[in-house]
Amino acid sequence: MGRNGEAARRARTVVTSLLIALVVIPLWSAWGVAPQAPLSGPIPTDPDLKVAFIGDTANGTDFRRVLNLIKSEGAHMVLHQGDFDYGANPAGFFSTIDGILGASFPYFASIGNHDTGSWNTGCSDADGCYAQFLKDRMARIGVEPDDLDLNDQMYSVTYKGLKLVFVGQDGVSAGDNTYAPYIRAQLSADDHVWKICSWHKDQNAMQVGGKPDEMGWKVYEACKDLGAIIATAHEHSYHRTKTLTSIQNQTVDSSCPDPNTICIARGIPGKSFVFVSGLGGNSVRDQVRCLPSTYPYGCKGEWAKIYTSNQGATFGALFIVFNINGDPSQAHGYFKNVDGQVIDEFDMTVGASTNAIPAAPSGLSLR
């Protein structure tokens, strides 16, 4: 849903609350009960909203196969976790997307390390600038980011009731000191049922290949404590954690340990999960960490599914369907490859806050 649609949704909620107040508050006075402010409920996504998550795509035959998979699965939108065409050719990259999904298909993206030279609006590249293509696309579908300047690599939008926060890839210091406060500012007071944090790079312990620490832990913990799904890429494979109460320590939630069930809740600590979906079309890498290559994996038992060259991986996408079976708090995820095989499948539930919810930073200046 675009900005206008989201505004309309909120307006209907306000009008309903006012009507209730006009009827109920006089009765409270007659009954000798102190009036209380009406509460607005959580904001759901559209029913059966299907989102595809990909990263590390390049712009070749395998990327086209992944896009055709996304189209055939009936996804309503794509979230791309960085590293686009590896060729600094935004015009060619988005031309491929337009040719398969359509010029107005909702396609949101985080910057990857291979995208930096052609990211900024006004980059003066002959083939255009990624940030400008993304802004133009959002404008076509009626979505406005919180700030039109994407050059700082951070923006947030709401689409069809799904809250999305995108941050950059400038390293551990930026992750801890810039991106984490931005995430808290965007999500601390947010009342959407489903929220997603999207970025490209990883911490070493949050991937099973050879990547070092490149994001800092505060971005992960901020999203987890605010009840958001954490979507990443960078390592060219697919892997997903179980429900974690500490991402830095890879602590599996003892009340929700099933690898095929994810529990999400706000709090200190909150609970959520992390995935890497980096099989968008560029290459397939080995599992280096957390061996053996079969479940249950090594390390601390945090991994629910690992799909790398060790497991015979090929390209594909993670799909998550939100607000299923008439229940806004339920979702279903599955990773499907371009050969039509479902590699991973899991259910998700947003629960009540676990305890005190972290407050937004005071006096924060990000722009």
Protein backbone atom coordinates (compact mmCIF):
# COMPACT_ATOMS: atom_id res chain seq x y z
CA MET A 1 0.00 0.00 0.00
CA GLY A 2 1.32 3.48 -0.87
CA ARG A 3 1.43 6.50 1.39
CA ASN A 4 -2.12 7.54 0.45
CA GLY A 5 -3.47 4.07 1.13
CA GLU A 6 -1.71 3.92 4.48
CA ALA A 7 -3.10 7.35 5.37
CA ALA A 8 -6.59 6.19 4.47
CA ARG A 9 -6.20 3.11 6.65
CA ARG A 10 -5.13 5.26 9.61
CA ALA A 11 -7.93 7.77 8.94
CA ARG A 12 -10.54 5.00 9.12
CA THR A 13 -9.08 3.88 12.44
CA VAL A 14 -9.23 7.44 13.83
CA VAL A 15 -12.82 8.01 12.68
CA THR A 16 -13.94 4.71 14.22
CA SER A 17 -12.25 5.58 17.50
CA LEU A 18 -13.89 9.02 17.56
CA LEU A 19 -17.34 7.55 16.96
CA ILE A 20 -16.81 5.08 19.79
CA ALA A 21 -15.68 7.90 22.05
CA LEU A 22 -18.78 10.01 21.25
CA VAL A 23 -21.03 7.16 22.32
CA VAL A 24 -19.08 5.65 25.21
CA ILE A 25 -17.59 8.65 27.05
CA PRO A 26 -21.00 10.16 28.02
CA LEU A 27 -21.96 6.73 29.40
CA TRP A 28 -18.74 6.60 31.42
CA SER A 29 -19.68 9.95 32.99
CA ALA A 30 -23.17 8.73 33.82
CA TRP A 31 -21.71 5.58 35.39
CA GLY A 32 -19.11 7.53 37.35
CA VAL A 33 -16.21 5.91 35.45
CA ALA A 34 -13.19 7.98 34.49
CA PRO A 35 -12.87 8.27 30.66
CA GLN A 36 -9.96 6.49 29.01
CA ALA A 37 -8.38 7.21 25.66
CA PRO A 38 -9.37 4.64 22.99
CA LEU A 39 -6.52 2.42 21.82
CA SER A 40 -5.70 1.85 18.16
CA GLY A 41 -4.93 -1.75 17.26
CA PRO A 42 -1.93 -3.17 15.42
CA ILE A 43 -1.88 -2.54 11.67
CA PRO A 44 -2.02 -5.77 9.61
CA THR A 45 -0.66 -6.42 6.16
CA ASP A 46 -2.99 -7.13 3.30
CA PRO A 47 -4.25 -10.72 3.52
CA ASP A 48 -1.95 -13.32 1.91
CA LEU A 49 0.71 -10.75 1.04
CA LYS A 50 3.55 -12.67 -0.63
CA VAL A 51 7.06 -11.18 -0.57
CA ALA A 52 10.13 -12.53 -2.40
CA PHE A 53 13.61 -12.01 -0.90
CA ILE A 54 16.73 -12.22 -3.04
CA GLY A 55 20.28 -10.86 -3.18
CA ASP A 56 23.56 -11.18 -5.09
CA THR A 57 21.92 -11.52 -8.48
CA ALA A 58 24.15 -10.28 -11.31
CA ASN A 59 22.18 -9.65 -14.51
CA GLY A 60 22.33 -12.82 -16.52
CA THR A 61 20.37 -15.93 -17.37
CA ASP A 62 20.21 -17.19 -13.79
CA PHE A 63 18.82 -13.87 -12.52
CA ARG A 64 16.14 -14.05 -15.20
CA ARG A 65 15.28 -17.57 -14.05
CA VAL A 66 14.87 -16.30 -10.49
CA LEU A 67 12.67 -13.40 -11.65
CA ASN A 68 10.51 -15.82 -13.63
CA LEU A 69 10.21 -17.98 -10.51
CA ILE A 70 9.07 -14.94 -8.53
CA LYS A 71 6.51 -14.16 -11.22
CA SER A 72 5.21 -17.73 -11.38
CA GLU A 73 4.88 -17.87 -7.58
CA GLY A 74 2.61 -14.83 -7.68
CA ALA A 75 4.72 -12.63 -5.40
CA HIS A 76 3.32 -9.16 -4.76
CA MET A 77 6.69 -7.51 -4.19
CA VAL A 78 10.46 -8.11 -4.09
CA LEU A 79 12.95 -7.10 -1.43
CA HIS A 80 16.47 -7.22 -2.84
CA GLN A 81 19.21 -7.34 -0.21
CA GLY A 82 21.94 -5.75 -2.31
CA ASP A 83 24.55 -6.56 -4.98
CA PHE A 84 22.59 -6.02 -8.15
CA ASP A 85 24.28 -6.52 -11.53
CA TYR A 86 27.98 -6.29 -10.52
CA GLY A 87 28.46 -4.14 -13.58
CA ALA A 88 27.46 -0.60 -12.51
CA ASN A 89 24.65 -0.62 -15.07
CA PRO A 90 21.45 0.40 -13.28
CA ALA A 91 19.57 0.99 -16.54
CA GLY A 92 20.30 -2.53 -17.78
CA PHE A 93 19.53 -4.09 -14.40
CA PHE A 94 16.13 -2.46 -14.06
CA SER A 95 15.36 -3.10 -17.72
CA THR A 96 15.65 -6.82 -16.98
CA ILE A 97 13.27 -6.48 -14.02
CA ASP A 98 10.80 -4.42 -16.05
CA GLY A 99 10.84 -6.94 -18.89
CA ILE A 100 9.83 -9.83 -16.63
CA LEU A 101 7.92 -8.33 -13.69
CA GLY A 102 6.74 -5.05 -15.21
CA ALA A 103 7.81 -1.43 -14.88
CA SER A 104 5.43 -0.82 -11.95
CA PHE A 105 6.09 -4.03 -10.05
CA PRO A 106 6.98 -3.17 -6.42
CA TYR A 107 10.74 -3.72 -6.12
CA PHE A 108 12.56 -2.38 -3.06
CA ALA A 109 16.28 -2.76 -2.39
CA SER A 110 19.15 -2.27 0.03
CA ILE A 111 22.53 -1.16 -1.26
CA GLY A 112 25.26 -3.80 -1.59
CA ASN A 113 29.01 -3.31 -1.58
CA HIS A 114 29.12 -3.83 -5.36
CA ASP A 115 26.52 -1.08 -5.87
CA THR A 116 28.20 1.83 -4.09
CA GLY A 117 29.83 3.55 -7.09
CA SER A 118 26.53 3.96 -8.93
CA TRP A 119 24.16 4.29 -5.94
CA ASN A 120 23.85 8.00 -5.19
CA THR A 121 21.28 10.09 -6.99
CA GLY A 122 23.24 12.30 -9.33
CA CYS A 123 26.07 9.80 -9.66
CA SER A 124 26.60 11.04 -13.27
CA ASP A 125 27.01 7.49 -14.59
CA ALA A 126 25.97 7.08 -18.21
CA ASP A 127 23.84 4.08 -17.18
CA GLY A 128 22.04 5.92 -14.39
CA CYS A 129 22.03 5.69 -10.60
CA TYR A 130 20.44 2.92 -8.51
CA ALA A 131 18.92 5.25 -5.90
CA GLN A 132 17.18 7.33 -8.56
CA PHE A 133 15.77 4.24 -10.28
CA LEU A 134 14.42 3.06 -6.92
CA LYS A 135 12.87 6.46 -6.14
CA ASP A 136 11.27 6.66 -9.58
CA ARG A 137 9.85 3.18 -9.13
CA MET A 138 8.40 4.02 -5.72
CA ALA A 139 6.81 7.13 -7.19
CA ARG A 140 5.14 5.05 -9.92
CA ILE A 141 3.44 2.83 -7.32
CA GLY A 142 2.50 5.67 -4.98
CA VAL A 143 5.03 4.90 -2.24
CA GLU A 144 7.02 7.69 -0.60
CA PRO A 145 10.03 6.92 1.62
CA ASP A 146 10.46 8.68 4.95
CA ASP A 147 13.15 10.83 3.30
CA LEU A 148 13.68 11.26 -0.43
CA ASP A 149 17.46 11.47 0.02
CA LEU A 150 18.67 7.89 -0.26
CA ASN A 151 22.32 8.85 -0.54
CA ASP A 152 22.87 7.99 3.14
CA GLN A 153 21.81 4.42 2.25
CA MET A 154 18.90 4.52 4.75
CA TYR A 155 15.17 4.76 4.10
CA SER A 156 11.90 3.29 5.28
CA VAL A 157 8.55 2.73 3.60
CA THR A 158 5.24 1.04 4.27
CA TYR A 159 3.68 -1.06 1.52
CA LYS A 160 0.39 -2.95 1.84
CA GLY A 161 0.67 -2.78 5.62
CA LEU A 162 4.25 -4.12 5.73
CA LYS A 163 6.81 -1.85 7.42
CA LEU A 164 10.22 -1.93 5.73
CA VAL A 165 13.46 -0.39 6.98
CA PHE A 166 16.56 -0.41 4.76
CA VAL A 167 20.08 0.43 5.93
CA GLY A 168 23.47 0.52 4.29
CA GLN A 169 26.77 -1.36 4.21
CA ASP A 170 29.42 1.03 5.46
CA GLY A 171 30.83 -1.31 8.09
CA VAL A 172 30.68 -2.14 11.80
CA SER A 173 31.00 1.45 13.03
CA ALA A 174 28.14 2.64 10.81
CA GLY A 175 26.07 -0.37 11.81
CA ASP A 176 26.47 0.28 15.52
CA ASN A 177 26.43 4.07 15.56
CA THR A 178 24.28 5.15 12.60
CA TYR A 179 22.10 2.32 11.34
CA ALA A 180 21.03 0.91 14.71
CA PRO A 181 19.79 4.30 16.03
CA TYR A 182 17.97 4.87 12.73
CA ILE A 183 16.23 1.49 13.05
CA ARG A 184 15.18 2.26 16.62
CA ALA A 185 13.84 5.65 15.56
CA GLN A 186 11.79 4.05 12.78
CA LEU A 187 10.40 1.09 14.74
CA SER A 188 10.15 1.99 18.43
CA ALA A 189 6.71 3.55 18.09
CA ASP A 190 5.63 1.61 15.01
CA ASP A 191 2.39 -0.37 15.32
CA HIS A 192 2.52 -2.58 12.23
CA VAL A 193 2.14 -6.29 12.92
CA TRP A 194 4.95 -7.27 10.53
CA LYS A 195 8.20 -5.37 10.19
CA ILE A 196 11.34 -6.14 8.17
CA CYS A 197 14.90 -4.85 8.49
CA SER A 198 16.83 -5.24 5.25
CA TRP A 199 20.54 -4.87 4.62
CA HIS A 200 23.29 -6.54 2.62
CA LYS A 201 26.33 -7.47 4.73
CA ASP A 202 26.66 -9.87 7.67
CA GLN A 203 28.41 -10.56 10.90
CA ASN A 204 30.65 -13.62 10.64
CA ALA A 205 28.47 -15.66 13.00
CA MET A 206 25.34 -14.80 11.00
CA GLN A 207 26.54 -16.52 7.82
CA VAL A 208 28.05 -19.93 7.12
CA GLY A 209 30.62 -18.93 4.51
CA GLY A 210 33.79 -16.91 4.86
CA LYS A 211 32.49 -13.39 5.49
CA PRO A 212 34.02 -11.40 8.39
CA ASP A 213 32.21 -9.07 10.82
CA GLU A 214 30.93 -6.25 8.60
CA MET A 215 27.74 -4.85 10.22
CA GLY A 216 28.12 -4.77 14.00
CA TRP A 217 25.72 -6.45 16.41
CA LYS A 218 23.59 -3.45 17.35
CA VAL A 219 21.66 -3.46 14.07
CA TYR A 220 20.69 -7.09 14.59
CA GLU A 221 19.73 -6.62 18.24
CA ALA A 222 17.74 -3.44 17.54
CA CYS A 223 15.62 -5.19 14.92
CA LYS A 224 15.16 -8.30 17.05
CA ASP A 225 14.12 -6.35 20.15
CA LEU A 226 11.63 -4.36 18.06
CA GLY A 227 10.06 -7.50 16.62
CA ALA A 228 11.36 -7.24 13.05
CA ILE A 229 12.48 -9.95 10.64
CA ILE A 230 16.15 -9.55 9.63
CA ALA A 231 16.78 -10.03 5.89
CA THR A 232 20.38 -10.16 4.60
CA ALA A 233 22.46 -11.53 1.71
CA HIS A 234 26.18 -11.02 0.78
CA GLU A 235 27.10 -14.70 1.25
CA HIS A 236 26.01 -16.58 -1.90
CA SER A 237 23.88 -19.28 -0.33
CA TYR A 238 20.66 -19.61 1.66
CA HIS A 239 20.53 -20.15 5.39
CA ARG A 240 18.05 -19.36 8.17
CA THR A 241 18.32 -19.35 11.94
CA LYS A 242 15.88 -20.66 14.49
CA THR A 243 14.13 -18.18 16.80
CA LEU A 244 16.85 -16.25 18.66
CA THR A 245 16.62 -14.19 21.84
CA SER A 246 20.24 -13.04 21.48
CA ILE A 247 21.67 -12.77 18.01
CA GLN A 248 25.12 -11.73 19.17
CA ASN A 249 25.34 -14.85 21.33
CA GLN A 250 23.31 -17.06 18.97
CA THR A 251 20.92 -17.99 21.79
CA VAL A 252 17.99 -20.12 20.62
CA ASP A 253 14.68 -19.29 22.29
CA SER A 254 14.06 -22.14 24.73
CA SER A 255 10.29 -21.55 24.53
CA CYS A 256 10.31 -21.77 20.71
CA PRO A 257 13.18 -24.06 19.63
CA ASP A 258 11.51 -25.88 16.71
CA PRO A 259 13.49 -25.26 13.49
CA ASN A 260 10.26 -25.07 11.48
CA THR A 261 8.48 -22.63 13.81
CA ILE A 262 9.54 -19.01 14.23
CA CYS A 263 8.28 -16.86 17.11
CA ILE A 264 8.58 -13.07 16.94
CA ALA A 265 7.97 -10.65 19.79
CA ARG A 266 9.09 -7.20 20.89
CA GLY A 267 10.85 -6.73 24.20
CA ILE A 268 14.18 -6.70 26.00
CA PRO A 269 15.15 -9.19 24.86
CA GLY A 270 12.80 -9.61 21.97
CA LYS A 271 12.84 -12.58 19.65
CA SER A 272 13.19 -12.96 15.90
CA PHE A 273 15.31 -14.71 13.27
CA VAL A 274 17.90 -13.95 10.62
CA PHE A 275 18.20 -15.25 7.10
CA VAL A 276 20.69 -14.93 4.26
CA SER A 277 19.08 -15.19 0.82
CA GLY A 278 22.01 -14.76 -1.54
CA LEU A 279 21.16 -17.18 -4.36
CA GLY A 280 19.75 -14.57 -6.73
CA GLY A 281 21.85 -15.61 -9.72
CA ASN A 282 25.53 -14.78 -9.31
CA SER A 283 27.20 -17.88 -7.83
CA VAL A 284 26.79 -20.61 -5.21
CA ARG A 285 29.31 -20.86 -2.39
CA ASP A 286 30.37 -23.56 0.09
CA GLN A 287 29.40 -24.03 3.70
CA VAL A 288 32.54 -23.18 5.68
CA ARG A 289 31.17 -22.66 9.18
CA CYS A 290 28.91 -24.69 11.46
CA LEU A 291 29.68 -28.05 9.88
CA PRO A 292 28.50 -30.78 9.47
CA SER A 293 26.47 -30.01 6.35
CA THR A 294 23.42 -31.94 7.55
CA TYR A 295 20.97 -31.08 10.32
CA PRO A 296 21.58 -30.69 13.21
CA TYR A 297 24.40 -28.38 12.18
CA GLY A 298 27.33 -27.30 14.31
CA CYS A 299 28.17 -24.05 16.12
CA LYS A 300 25.52 -23.42 18.82
CA GLY A 301 22.59 -25.14 17.12
CA GLU A 302 21.25 -21.82 15.88
CA TRP A 303 20.75 -22.82 12.25
CA ALA A 304 17.41 -24.23 11.13
CA LYS A 305 18.34 -24.68 7.46
CA ILE A 306 21.56 -24.40 5.45
CA TYR A 307 21.55 -24.60 1.64
CA THR A 308 24.96 -24.14 0.00
CA SER A 309 27.02 -25.96 -2.61
CA ASN A 310 27.62 -28.62 0.07
CA GLN A 311 23.91 -29.39 -0.07
CA GLY A 312 23.78 -29.15 -3.89
CA ALA A 313 22.25 -25.68 -3.92
CA THR A 314 21.12 -23.79 -6.97
CA PHE A 315 19.50 -20.39 -7.41
CA GLY A 316 16.15 -19.43 -5.98
CA ALA A 317 14.24 -17.08 -3.66
CA LEU A 318 12.78 -17.03 -0.19
CA PHE A 319 9.05 -16.34 -0.13
CA ILE A 320 7.09 -15.24 2.94
CA VAL A 321 3.30 -14.98 2.90
CA PHE A 322 1.92 -12.67 5.61
CA ASN A 323 -1.54 -12.56 7.20
CA ILE A 324 -2.59 -16.09 6.29
CA ASN A 325 -5.74 -18.05 7.11
CA GLY A 326 -7.48 -14.88 8.22
CA ASP A 327 -4.97 -14.32 11.05
CA PRO A 328 -2.84 -11.14 10.75
CA SER A 329 -0.29 -12.55 13.24
CA GLN A 330 0.48 -15.66 11.18
CA ALA A 331 2.84 -16.09 8.21
CA HIS A 332 4.39 -18.91 6.21
CA GLY A 333 7.85 -18.98 4.61
CA TYR A 334 9.47 -21.23 2.03
CA PHE A 335 12.62 -21.22 -0.09
CA LYS A 336 12.06 -22.48 -3.62
CA ASN A 337 14.75 -22.98 -6.23
CA VAL A 338 14.51 -22.45 -9.97
CA ASP A 339 14.08 -26.21 -10.49
CA GLY A 340 10.81 -26.05 -8.56
CA GLN A 341 12.09 -27.72 -5.38
CA VAL A 342 10.97 -26.39 -2.00
CA ILE A 343 14.15 -26.52 0.09
CA ASP A 344 12.95 -24.95 3.33
CA GLU A 345 9.50 -24.38 4.83
CA PHE A 346 8.48 -22.80 8.14
CA ASP A 347 5.64 -21.07 10.01
CA MET A 348 5.84 -17.74 11.82
CA THR A 349 3.83 -16.07 14.57
CA VAL A 350 3.99 -12.56 16.01
CA GLY A 351 3.28 -12.80 19.72
CA ALA A 352 2.73 -10.36 22.55
CA SER A 353 5.64 -8.25 23.77
CA THR A 354 7.93 -10.26 26.02
CA ASN A 355 8.46 -7.38 28.49
CA ALA A 356 9.49 -3.73 28.39
CA ILE A 357 9.68 -2.39 24.84
CA PRO A 358 12.79 -0.33 24.00
CA ALA A 359 12.13 3.37 23.64
CA ALA A 360 13.19 5.45 20.68
CA PRO A 361 16.43 7.38 21.14
CA SER A 362 15.89 10.93 22.36
CA GLY A 363 17.41 13.87 20.58
CA LEU A 364 18.44 11.69 17.65
CA SER A 365 19.67 13.45 14.52
CA LEU A 366 20.33 11.18 11.55
CA ARG A 367 20.13 13.39 8.50
